[in-house]
Amino acid sequence: MNWQEDTGVTIVSSHNDEIRQMIIDNMGRGVTVYNGKRGYGKKGEVKEIDIVYTVVTRLELNKLNTEIEKIDPNAFVVMSSIKETKGGMIKKRPLKH
């Protein structure tokens, strides 16, 4: 059981590879990449795009948002509180220095 409140972050950006790499390298967190489609514009054009999902602690949110902003100020970011996580790589891995 995880007593620290985590936040699930979904990021839709045309710079998804850079954002994915930043989360792994700078944040020490794992990511899940979904293949998705986004619709936008007056005609509702549909474009395939990879969607990045990660789980961070409440304390890491500011750093993550700052780093995403540097890479893509127009990224669509959705954050959700997570009560409990199980399995996978829940703990942060040590960063390489």
PDB file of N, CA and C in Angstrom:
ATOM      1  N   MET A   1       0.845  -1.193   0.000  1.00  0.00           N
ATOM      2  CA  MET A   1       0.000   0.000   0.000  1.00  0.00           C
ATOM      3  C   MET A   1       0.879   1.241   0.000  1.00  0.00           C
ATOM      4  N   ASN A   2       0.450   2.239  -0.720  1.00  0.00           N
ATOM      5  CA  ASN A   2       1.216   3.471  -0.871  1.00  0.00           C
ATOM      6  C   ASN A   2       0.531   4.578  -0.073  1.00  0.00           C
ATOM      7  N   TRP A   3       1.180   5.070   0.985  1.00  0.00           N
ATOM      8  CA  TRP A   3       0.565   6.080   1.853  1.00  0.00           C
ATOM      9  C   TRP A   3       0.815   7.487   1.350  1.00  0.00           C
ATOM     10  N   GLN A   4       1.717   7.643   0.417  1.00  0.00           N
ATOM     11  CA  GLN A   4       2.001   8.951  -0.158  1.00  0.00           C
ATOM     12  C   GLN A   4       1.077   9.153  -1.351  1.00  0.00           C
ATOM     13  N   GLU A   5       0.458  10.307  -1.455  1.00  0.00           N
ATOM     14  CA  GLU A   5      -0.456  10.532  -2.574  1.00  0.00           C
ATOM     15  C   GLU A   5       0.302  10.732  -3.879  1.00  0.00           C
ATOM     16  N   ASP A   6      -0.048   9.926  -4.855  1.00  0.00           N
ATOM     17  CA  ASP A   6       0.573  10.019  -6.170  1.00  0.00           C
ATOM     18  C   ASP A   6      -0.377  10.708  -7.137  1.00  0.00           C
ATOM     19  N   THR A   7       0.188  11.167  -8.240  1.00  0.00           N
ATOM     20  CA  THR A   7      -0.598  11.823  -9.278  1.00  0.00           C
ATOM     21  C   THR A   7      -0.312  11.149 -10.607  1.00  0.00           C
ATOM     22  N   GLY A   8      -1.357  10.739 -11.293  1.00  0.00           N
ATOM     23  CA  GLY A   8      -1.225  10.200 -12.638  1.00  0.00           C
ATOM     24  C   GLY A   8      -1.264  11.362 -13.614  1.00  0.00           C
ATOM     25  N   VAL A   9      -0.309  11.402 -14.539  1.00  0.00           N
ATOM     26  CA  VAL A   9      -0.202  12.525 -15.472  1.00  0.00           C
ATOM     27  C   VAL A   9      -0.244  11.983 -16.901  1.00  0.00           C
ATOM     28  N   THR A  10      -1.227  12.454 -17.664  1.00  0.00           N
ATOM     29  CA  THR A  10      -1.359  12.113 -19.072  1.00  0.00           C
ATOM     30  C   THR A  10      -0.928  13.323 -19.885  1.00  0.00           C
ATOM     31  N   ILE A  11      -0.017  13.108 -20.842  1.00  0.00           N
ATOM     32  CA  ILE A  11       0.541  14.217 -21.622  1.00  0.00           C
ATOM     33  C   ILE A  11       0.336  13.938 -23.111  1.00  0.00           C
ATOM     34  N   VAL A  12      -0.354  14.864 -23.771  1.00  0.00           N
ATOM     35  CA  VAL A  12      -0.558  14.779 -25.213  1.00  0.00           C
ATOM     36  C   VAL A  12       0.241  15.914 -25.837  1.00  0.00           C
ATOM     37  N   SER A  13       1.251  15.545 -26.631  1.00  0.00           N
ATOM     38  CA  SER A  13       2.141  16.541 -27.211  1.00  0.00           C
ATOM     39  C   SER A  13       2.769  15.990 -28.477  1.00  0.00           C
ATOM     40  N   SER A  14       3.022  16.863 -29.425  1.00  0.00           N
ATOM     41  CA  SER A  14       3.741  16.438 -30.625  1.00  0.00           C
ATOM     42  C   SER A  14       5.224  16.218 -30.314  1.00  0.00           C
ATOM     43  N   HIS A  15       5.656  16.610 -29.112  1.00  0.00           N
ATOM     44  CA  HIS A  15       7.037  16.400 -28.660  1.00  0.00           C
ATOM     45  C   HIS A  15       7.095  15.251 -27.659  1.00  0.00           C
ATOM     46  N   ASN A  16       6.250  14.234 -27.854  1.00  0.00           N
ATOM     47  CA  ASN A  16       6.123  13.167 -26.869  1.00  0.00           C
ATOM     48  C   ASN A  16       7.421  12.395 -26.631  1.00  0.00           C
ATOM     49  N   ASP A  17       8.257  12.212 -27.657  1.00  0.00           N
ATOM     50  CA  ASP A  17       9.528  11.488 -27.453  1.00  0.00           C
ATOM     51  C   ASP A  17      10.453  12.247 -26.500  1.00  0.00           C
ATOM     52  N   GLU A  18      10.542  13.568 -26.684  1.00  0.00           N
ATOM     53  CA  GLU A  18      11.389  14.382 -25.799  1.00  0.00           C
ATOM     54  C   GLU A  18      10.850  14.367 -24.372  1.00  0.00           C
ATOM     55  N   ILE A  19       9.544  14.462 -24.233  1.00  0.00           N
ATOM     56  CA  ILE A  19       8.920  14.465 -22.906  1.00  0.00           C
ATOM     57  C   ILE A  19       9.118  13.109 -22.234  1.00  0.00           C
ATOM     58  N   ARG A  20       8.927  12.039 -22.984  1.00  0.00           N
ATOM     59  CA  ARG A  20       9.130  10.683 -22.451  1.00  0.00           C
ATOM     60  C   ARG A  20      10.558  10.533 -21.944  1.00  0.00           C
ATOM     61  N   GLN A  21      11.539  10.953 -22.735  1.00  0.00           N
ATOM     62  CA  GLN A  21      12.941  10.823 -22.353  1.00  0.00           C
ATOM     63  C   GLN A  21      13.274  11.680 -21.133  1.00  0.00           C
ATOM     64  N   MET A  22      12.698  12.885 -21.058  1.00  0.00           N
ATOM     65  CA  MET A  22      12.931  13.763 -19.912  1.00  0.00           C
ATOM     66  C   MET A  22      12.408  13.112 -18.628  1.00  0.00           C
ATOM     67  N   ILE A  23      11.223  12.489 -18.696  1.00  0.00           N
ATOM     68  CA  ILE A  23      10.642  11.849 -17.506  1.00  0.00           C
ATOM     69  C   ILE A  23      11.554  10.719 -17.030  1.00  0.00           C
ATOM     70  N   ILE A  24      12.069   9.937 -17.961  1.00  0.00           N
ATOM     71  CA  ILE A  24      12.946   8.817 -17.607  1.00  0.00           C
ATOM     72  C   ILE A  24      14.295   9.325 -17.084  1.00  0.00           C
ATOM     73  N   ASP A  25      14.921  10.254 -17.816  1.00  0.00           N
ATOM     74  CA  ASP A  25      16.273  10.715 -17.472  1.00  0.00           C
ATOM     75  C   ASP A  25      16.304  11.709 -16.323  1.00  0.00           C
ATOM     76  N   ASN A  26      15.424  12.715 -16.344  1.00  0.00           N
ATOM     77  CA  ASN A  26      15.475  13.798 -15.351  1.00  0.00           C
ATOM     78  C   ASN A  26      14.648  13.522 -14.101  1.00  0.00           C
ATOM     79  N   MET A  27      13.562  12.770 -14.261  1.00  0.00           N
ATOM     80  CA  MET A  27      12.675  12.529 -13.125  1.00  0.00           C
ATOM     81  C   MET A  27      12.921  11.150 -12.490  1.00  0.00           C
ATOM     82  N   GLY A  28      13.564  10.267 -13.227  1.00  0.00           N
ATOM     83  CA  GLY A  28      13.800   8.915 -12.703  1.00  0.00           C
ATOM     84  C   GLY A  28      12.528   8.099 -12.620  1.00  0.00           C
ATOM     85  N   ARG A  29      11.563   8.414 -13.462  1.00  0.00           N
ATOM     86  CA  ARG A  29      10.272   7.728 -13.450  1.00  0.00           C
ATOM     87  C   ARG A  29      10.073   6.932 -14.727  1.00  0.00           C
ATOM     88  N   GLY A  30       9.253   5.922 -14.646  1.00  0.00           N
ATOM     89  CA  GLY A  30       8.890   5.150 -15.819  1.00  0.00           C
ATOM     90  C   GLY A  30       7.698   5.794 -16.510  1.00  0.00           C
ATOM     91  N   VAL A  31       7.462   5.390 -17.734  1.00  0.00           N
ATOM     92  CA  VAL A  31       6.334   5.919 -18.493  1.00  0.00           C
ATOM     93  C   VAL A  31       5.608   4.775 -19.195  1.00  0.00           C
ATOM     94  N   THR A  32       4.369   5.016 -19.518  1.00  0.00           N
ATOM     95  CA  THR A  32       3.599   4.154 -20.399  1.00  0.00           C
ATOM     96  C   THR A  32       3.235   5.014 -21.593  1.00  0.00           C
ATOM     97  N   VAL A  33       3.393   4.471 -22.795  1.00  0.00           N
ATOM     98  CA  VAL A  33       3.070   5.221 -24.002  1.00  0.00           C
ATOM     99  C   VAL A  33       1.879   4.545 -24.675  1.00  0.00           C
ATOM    100  N   TYR A  34       0.799   5.307 -24.825  1.00  0.00           N
ATOM    101  CA  TYR A  34      -0.397   4.834 -25.507  1.00  0.00           C
ATOM    102  C   TYR A  34      -0.399   5.377 -26.926  1.00  0.00           C
ATOM    103  N   ASN A  35      -0.839   4.559 -27.870  1.00  0.00           N
ATOM    104  CA  ASN A  35      -1.049   5.064 -29.218  1.00  0.00           C
ATOM    105  C   ASN A  35      -2.471   5.584 -29.251  1.00  0.00           C
ATOM    106  N   GLY A  36      -2.632   6.843 -29.594  1.00  0.00           N
ATOM    107  CA  GLY A  36      -3.964   7.439 -29.576  1.00  0.00           C
ATOM    108  C   GLY A  36      -4.201   8.311 -30.787  1.00  0.00           C
ATOM    109  N   LYS A  37      -5.335   8.946 -30.780  1.00  0.00           N
ATOM    110  CA  LYS A  37      -5.693   9.886 -31.832  1.00  0.00           C
ATOM    111  C   LYS A  37      -6.208  11.139 -31.158  1.00  0.00           C
ATOM    112  N   ARG A  38      -5.899  12.284 -31.760  1.00  0.00           N
ATOM    113  CA  ARG A  38      -6.444  13.521 -31.209  1.00  0.00           C
ATOM    114  C   ARG A  38      -7.217  14.226 -32.307  1.00  0.00           C
ATOM    115  N   GLY A  39      -8.303  14.831 -31.913  1.00  0.00           N
ATOM    116  CA  GLY A  39      -9.124  15.586 -32.848  1.00  0.00           C
ATOM    117  C   GLY A  39      -9.055  17.051 -32.480  1.00  0.00           C
ATOM    118  N   TYR A  40      -8.928  17.896 -33.487  1.00  0.00           N
ATOM    119  CA  TYR A  40      -8.821  19.330 -33.225  1.00  0.00           C
ATOM    120  C   TYR A  40      -9.228  20.102 -34.465  1.00  0.00           C
ATOM    121  N   GLY A  41      -9.339  21.398 -34.311  1.00  0.00           N
ATOM    122  CA  GLY A  41      -9.682  22.257 -35.450  1.00  0.00           C
ATOM    123  C   GLY A  41     -11.172  22.260 -35.724  1.00  0.00           C
ATOM    124  N   LYS A  42     -11.583  23.128 -36.608  1.00  0.00           N
ATOM    125  CA  LYS A  42     -13.000  23.293 -36.937  1.00  0.00           C
ATOM    126  C   LYS A  42     -13.591  22.043 -37.572  1.00  0.00           C
ATOM    127  N   LYS A  43     -12.773  21.328 -38.344  1.00  0.00           N
ATOM    128  CA  LYS A  43     -13.256  20.134 -39.034  1.00  0.00           C
ATOM    129  C   LYS A  43     -13.056  18.867 -38.205  1.00  0.00           C
ATOM    130  N   GLY A  44     -12.502  19.014 -37.015  1.00  0.00           N
ATOM    131  CA  GLY A  44     -12.274  17.852 -36.158  1.00  0.00           C
ATOM    132  C   GLY A  44     -11.286  16.876 -36.760  1.00  0.00           C
ATOM    133  N   GLU A  45     -10.238  17.418 -37.371  1.00  0.00           N
ATOM    134  CA  GLU A  45      -9.216  16.573 -37.988  1.00  0.00           C
ATOM    135  C   GLU A  45      -8.660  15.592 -36.956  1.00  0.00           C
ATOM    136  N   VAL A  46      -8.433  14.373 -37.397  1.00  0.00           N
ATOM    137  CA  VAL A  46      -7.917  13.348 -36.496  1.00  0.00           C
ATOM    138  C   VAL A  46      -6.481  13.041 -36.884  1.00  0.00           C
ATOM    139  N   LYS A  47      -5.601  13.043 -35.891  1.00  0.00           N
ATOM    140  CA  LYS A  47      -4.191  12.765 -36.124  1.00  0.00           C
ATOM    141  C   LYS A  47      -3.724  11.743 -35.092  1.00  0.00           C
ATOM    142  N   GLU A  48      -2.988  10.725 -35.555  1.00  0.00           N
ATOM    143  CA  GLU A  48      -2.446   9.747 -34.617  1.00  0.00           C
ATOM    144  C   GLU A  48      -1.301  10.376 -33.842  1.00  0.00           C
ATOM    145  N   ILE A  49      -1.217  10.022 -32.568  1.00  0.00           N
ATOM    146  CA  ILE A  49      -0.176  10.582 -31.710  1.00  0.00           C
ATOM    147  C   ILE A  49       0.070   9.633 -30.549  1.00  0.00           C
ATOM    148  N   ASP A  50       1.306   9.583 -30.058  1.00  0.00           N
ATOM    149  CA  ASP A  50       1.610   8.816 -28.860  1.00  0.00           C
ATOM    150  C   ASP A  50       1.273   9.671 -27.644  1.00  0.00           C
ATOM    151  N   ILE A  51       0.648   9.047 -26.664  1.00  0.00           N
ATOM    152  CA  ILE A  51       0.243   9.727 -25.433  1.00  0.00           C
ATOM    153  C   ILE A  51       1.091   9.164 -24.298  1.00  0.00           C
ATOM    154  N   VAL A  52       1.728  10.043 -23.551  1.00  0.00           N
ATOM    155  CA  VAL A  52       2.632   9.633 -22.477  1.00  0.00           C
ATOM    156  C   VAL A  52       1.879   9.689 -21.147  1.00  0.00           C
ATOM    157  N   TYR A  53       2.022   8.625 -20.343  1.00  0.00           N
ATOM    158  CA  TYR A  53       1.405   8.562 -19.022  1.00  0.00           C
ATOM    159  C   TYR A  53       2.482   8.204 -18.012  1.00  0.00           C
ATOM    160  N   THR A  54       2.495   8.914 -16.891  1.00  0.00           N
ATOM    161  CA  THR A  54       3.435   8.613 -15.824  1.00  0.00           C
ATOM    162  C   THR A  54       2.766   8.857 -14.475  1.00  0.00           C
ATOM    163  N   VAL A  55       3.367   8.334 -13.429  1.00  0.00           N
ATOM    164  CA  VAL A  55       2.891   8.543 -12.060  1.00  0.00           C
ATOM    165  C   VAL A  55       4.016   9.196 -11.282  1.00  0.00           C
ATOM    166  N   VAL A  56       3.715  10.338 -10.659  1.00  0.00           N
ATOM    167  CA  VAL A  56       4.712  11.057  -9.857  1.00  0.00           C
ATOM    168  C   VAL A  56       4.108  11.398  -8.498  1.00  0.00           C
ATOM    169  N   THR A  57       4.965  11.758  -7.567  1.00  0.00           N
ATOM    170  CA  THR A  57       4.467  12.198  -6.264  1.00  0.00           C
ATOM    171  C   THR A  57       3.983  13.641  -6.371  1.00  0.00           C
ATOM    172  N   ARG A  58       3.203  14.035  -5.414  1.00  0.00           N
ATOM    173  CA  ARG A  58       2.701  15.410  -5.363  1.00  0.00           C
ATOM    174  C   ARG A  58       3.863  16.406  -5.357  1.00  0.00           C
ATOM    175  N   LEU A  59       4.949  16.040  -4.693  1.00  0.00           N
ATOM    176  CA  LEU A  59       6.113  16.924  -4.592  1.00  0.00           C
ATOM    177  C   LEU A  59       6.871  17.053  -5.909  1.00  0.00           C
ATOM    178  N   GLU A  60       6.719  16.092  -6.816  1.00  0.00           N
ATOM    179  CA  GLU A  60       7.424  16.133  -8.106  1.00  0.00           C
ATOM    180  C   GLU A  60       6.632  16.860  -9.193  1.00  0.00           C
ATOM    181  N   LEU A  61       5.387  17.190  -8.908  1.00  0.00           N
ATOM    182  CA  LEU A  61       4.521  17.803  -9.929  1.00  0.00           C
ATOM    183  C   LEU A  61       5.065  19.106 -10.486  1.00  0.00           C
ATOM    184  N   ASN A  62       5.553  19.995  -9.632  1.00  0.00           N
ATOM    185  CA  ASN A  62       6.066  21.281 -10.111  1.00  0.00           C
ATOM    186  C   ASN A  62       7.231  21.099 -11.070  1.00  0.00           C
ATOM    187  N   LYS A  63       8.165  20.211 -10.714  1.00  0.00           N
ATOM    188  CA  LYS A  63       9.319  19.967 -11.587  1.00  0.00           C
ATOM    189  C   LYS A  63       8.844  19.403 -12.920  1.00  0.00           C
ATOM    190  N   LEU A  64       7.923  18.435 -12.885  1.00  0.00           N
ATOM    191  CA  LEU A  64       7.426  17.839 -14.117  1.00  0.00           C
ATOM    192  C   LEU A  64       6.766  18.892 -14.993  1.00  0.00           C
ATOM    193  N   ASN A  65       5.900  19.711 -14.422  1.00  0.00           N
ATOM    194  CA  ASN A  65       5.218  20.752 -15.195  1.00  0.00           C
ATOM    195  C   ASN A  65       6.200  21.762 -15.785  1.00  0.00           C
ATOM    196  N   THR A  66       7.221  22.134 -15.024  1.00  0.00           N
ATOM    197  CA  THR A  66       8.239  23.071 -15.508  1.00  0.00           C
ATOM    198  C   THR A  66       8.991  22.481 -16.693  1.00  0.00           C
ATOM    199  N   GLU A  67       9.367  21.218 -16.586  1.00  0.00           N
ATOM    200  CA  GLU A  67      10.118  20.557 -17.665  1.00  0.00           C
ATOM    201  C   GLU A  67       9.254  20.373 -18.912  1.00  0.00           C
ATOM    202  N   ILE A  68       7.990  20.033 -18.737  1.00  0.00           N
ATOM    203  CA  ILE A  68       7.082  19.900 -19.888  1.00  0.00           C
ATOM    204  C   ILE A  68       6.941  21.253 -20.573  1.00  0.00           C
ATOM    205  N   GLU A  69       6.794  22.306 -19.788  1.00  0.00           N
ATOM    206  CA  GLU A  69       6.640  23.669 -20.317  1.00  0.00           C
ATOM    207  C   GLU A  69       7.837  24.069 -21.180  1.00  0.00           C
ATOM    208  N   LYS A  70       9.050  23.670 -20.752  1.00  0.00           N
ATOM    209  CA  LYS A  70      10.266  23.978 -21.518  1.00  0.00           C
ATOM    210  C   LYS A  70      10.256  23.276 -22.878  1.00  0.00           C
ATOM    211  N   ILE A  71       9.754  22.050 -22.906  1.00  0.00           N
ATOM    212  CA  ILE A  71       9.757  21.256 -24.138  1.00  0.00           C
ATOM    213  C   ILE A  71       8.593  21.643 -25.047  1.00  0.00           C
ATOM    214  N   ASP A  72       7.394  21.771 -24.474  1.00  0.00           N
ATOM    215  CA  ASP A  72       6.209  22.086 -25.277  1.00  0.00           C
ATOM    216  C   ASP A  72       5.194  22.864 -24.442  1.00  0.00           C
ATOM    217  N   PRO A  73       5.218  24.204 -24.552  1.00  0.00           N
ATOM    218  CA  PRO A  73       4.276  25.026 -23.783  1.00  0.00           C
ATOM    219  C   PRO A  73       2.814  24.755 -24.152  1.00  0.00           C
ATOM    220  N   ASN A  74       2.572  24.131 -25.317  1.00  0.00           N
ATOM    221  CA  ASN A  74       1.202  23.851 -25.755  1.00  0.00           C
ATOM    222  C   ASN A  74       0.752  22.419 -25.459  1.00  0.00           C
ATOM    223  N   ALA A  75       1.544  21.671 -24.708  1.00  0.00           N
ATOM    224  CA  ALA A  75       1.174  20.293 -24.380  1.00  0.00           C
ATOM    225  C   ALA A  75      -0.142  20.286 -23.596  1.00  0.00           C
ATOM    226  N   PHE A  76      -0.966  19.272 -23.876  1.00  0.00           N
ATOM    227  CA  PHE A  76      -2.211  19.067 -23.134  1.00  0.00           C
ATOM    228  C   PHE A  76      -1.889  18.098 -22.007  1.00  0.00           C
ATOM    229  N   VAL A  77      -2.033  18.552 -20.757  1.00  0.00           N
ATOM    230  CA  VAL A  77      -1.637  17.767 -19.593  1.00  0.00           C
ATOM    231  C   VAL A  77      -2.850  17.590 -18.677  1.00  0.00           C
ATOM    232  N   VAL A  78      -3.142  16.329 -18.342  1.00  0.00           N
ATOM    233  CA  VAL A  78      -4.250  16.017 -17.437  1.00  0.00           C
ATOM    234  C   VAL A  78      -3.665  15.322 -16.216  1.00  0.00           C
ATOM    235  N   MET A  79      -4.007  15.826 -15.025  1.00  0.00           N
ATOM    236  CA  MET A  79      -3.490  15.259 -13.785  1.00  0.00           C
ATOM    237  C   MET A  79      -4.639  14.726 -12.943  1.00  0.00           C
ATOM    238  N   SER A  80      -4.449  13.529 -12.382  1.00  0.00           N
ATOM    239  CA  SER A  80      -5.475  12.901 -11.555  1.00  0.00           C
ATOM    240  C   SER A  80      -4.839  12.340 -10.291  1.00  0.00           C
ATOM    241  N   SER A  81      -5.497  12.557  -9.167  1.00  0.00           N
ATOM    242  CA  SER A  81      -5.010  11.978  -7.917  1.00  0.00           C
ATOM    243  C   SER A  81      -5.216  10.470  -7.947  1.00  0.00           C
ATOM    244  N   ILE A  82      -4.228   9.759  -7.444  1.00  0.00           N
ATOM    245  CA  ILE A  82      -4.286   8.305  -7.380  1.00  0.00           C
ATOM    246  C   ILE A  82      -4.243   7.908  -5.913  1.00  0.00           C
ATOM    247  N   LYS A  83      -5.214   7.147  -5.495  1.00  0.00           N
ATOM    248  CA  LYS A  83      -5.275   6.732  -4.095  1.00  0.00           C
ATOM    249  C   LYS A  83      -4.286   5.606  -3.802  1.00  0.00           C
ATOM    250  N   GLU A  84      -4.135   4.694  -4.756  1.00  0.00           N
ATOM    251  CA  GLU A  84      -3.310   3.535  -4.504  1.00  0.00           C
ATOM    252  C   GLU A  84      -2.708   3.021  -5.806  1.00  0.00           C
ATOM    253  N   THR A  85      -1.454   2.560  -5.749  1.00  0.00           N
ATOM    254  CA  THR A  85      -0.819   1.943  -6.904  1.00  0.00           C
ATOM    255  C   THR A  85      -0.339   0.560  -6.500  1.00  0.00           C
ATOM    256  N   LYS A  86      -0.234  -0.318  -7.473  1.00  0.00           N
ATOM    257  CA  LYS A  86       0.170  -1.692  -7.194  1.00  0.00           C
ATOM    258  C   LYS A  86       0.924  -2.239  -8.398  1.00  0.00           C
ATOM    259  N   GLY A  87       1.973  -3.003  -8.146  1.00  0.00           N
ATOM    260  CA  GLY A  87       2.704  -3.666  -9.221  1.00  0.00           C
ATOM    261  C   GLY A  87       3.580  -2.714  -9.999  1.00  0.00           C
ATOM    262  N   GLY A  88       4.294  -3.248 -10.970  1.00  0.00           N
ATOM    263  CA  GLY A  88       5.155  -2.415 -11.806  1.00  0.00           C
ATOM    264  C   GLY A  88       6.257  -1.761 -11.003  1.00  0.00           C
ATOM    265  N   MET A  89       6.807  -0.723 -11.579  1.00  0.00           N
ATOM    266  CA  MET A  89       7.887   0.025 -10.938  1.00  0.00           C
ATOM    267  C   MET A  89       7.292   1.237 -10.233  1.00  0.00           C
ATOM    268  N   ILE A  90       6.821   1.052  -9.026  1.00  0.00           N
ATOM    269  CA  ILE A  90       6.179   2.135  -8.285  1.00  0.00           C
ATOM    270  C   ILE A  90       7.210   3.099  -7.720  1.00  0.00           C
ATOM    271  N   LYS A  91       8.281   2.557  -7.155  1.00  0.00           N
ATOM    272  CA  LYS A  91       9.283   3.419  -6.528  1.00  0.00           C
ATOM    273  C   LYS A  91      10.144   4.087  -7.573  1.00  0.00           C
ATOM    274  N   LYS A  92      10.588   5.281  -7.233  1.00  0.00           N
ATOM    275  CA  LYS A  92      11.469   6.044  -8.115  1.00  0.00           C
ATOM    276  C   LYS A  92      12.811   5.330  -8.204  1.00  0.00           C
ATOM    277  N   ARG A  93      13.346   5.244  -9.437  1.00  0.00           N
ATOM    278  CA  ARG A  93      14.656   4.630  -9.593  1.00  0.00           C
ATOM    279  C   ARG A  93      15.731   5.686  -9.414  1.00  0.00           C
ATOM    280  N   PRO A  94      16.927   5.286  -8.955  1.00  0.00           N
ATOM    281  CA  PRO A  94      17.994   6.260  -8.774  1.00  0.00           C
ATOM    282  C   PRO A  94      18.411   6.877 -10.102  1.00  0.00           C
ATOM    283  N   LEU A  95      18.669   8.169 -10.088  1.00  0.00           N
ATOM    284  CA  LEU A  95      19.118   8.873 -11.300  1.00  0.00           C
ATOM    285  C   LEU A  95      20.602   8.623 -11.496  1.00  0.00           C
ATOM    286  N   LYS A  96      21.011   8.575 -12.774  1.00  0.00           N
ATOM    287  CA  LYS A  96      22.444   8.441 -13.091  1.00  0.00           C
ATOM    288  C   LYS A  96      23.049   9.832 -13.064  1.00  0.00           C
ATOM    289  N   HIS A  97      24.171   9.996 -12.384  1.00  0.00           N
ATOM    290  CA  HIS A  97      24.831  11.310 -12.324  1.00  0.00           C
ATOM    291  C   HIS A  97      26.120  11.293 -13.042  1.00  0.00           C
TER     292      HIS A  97
END
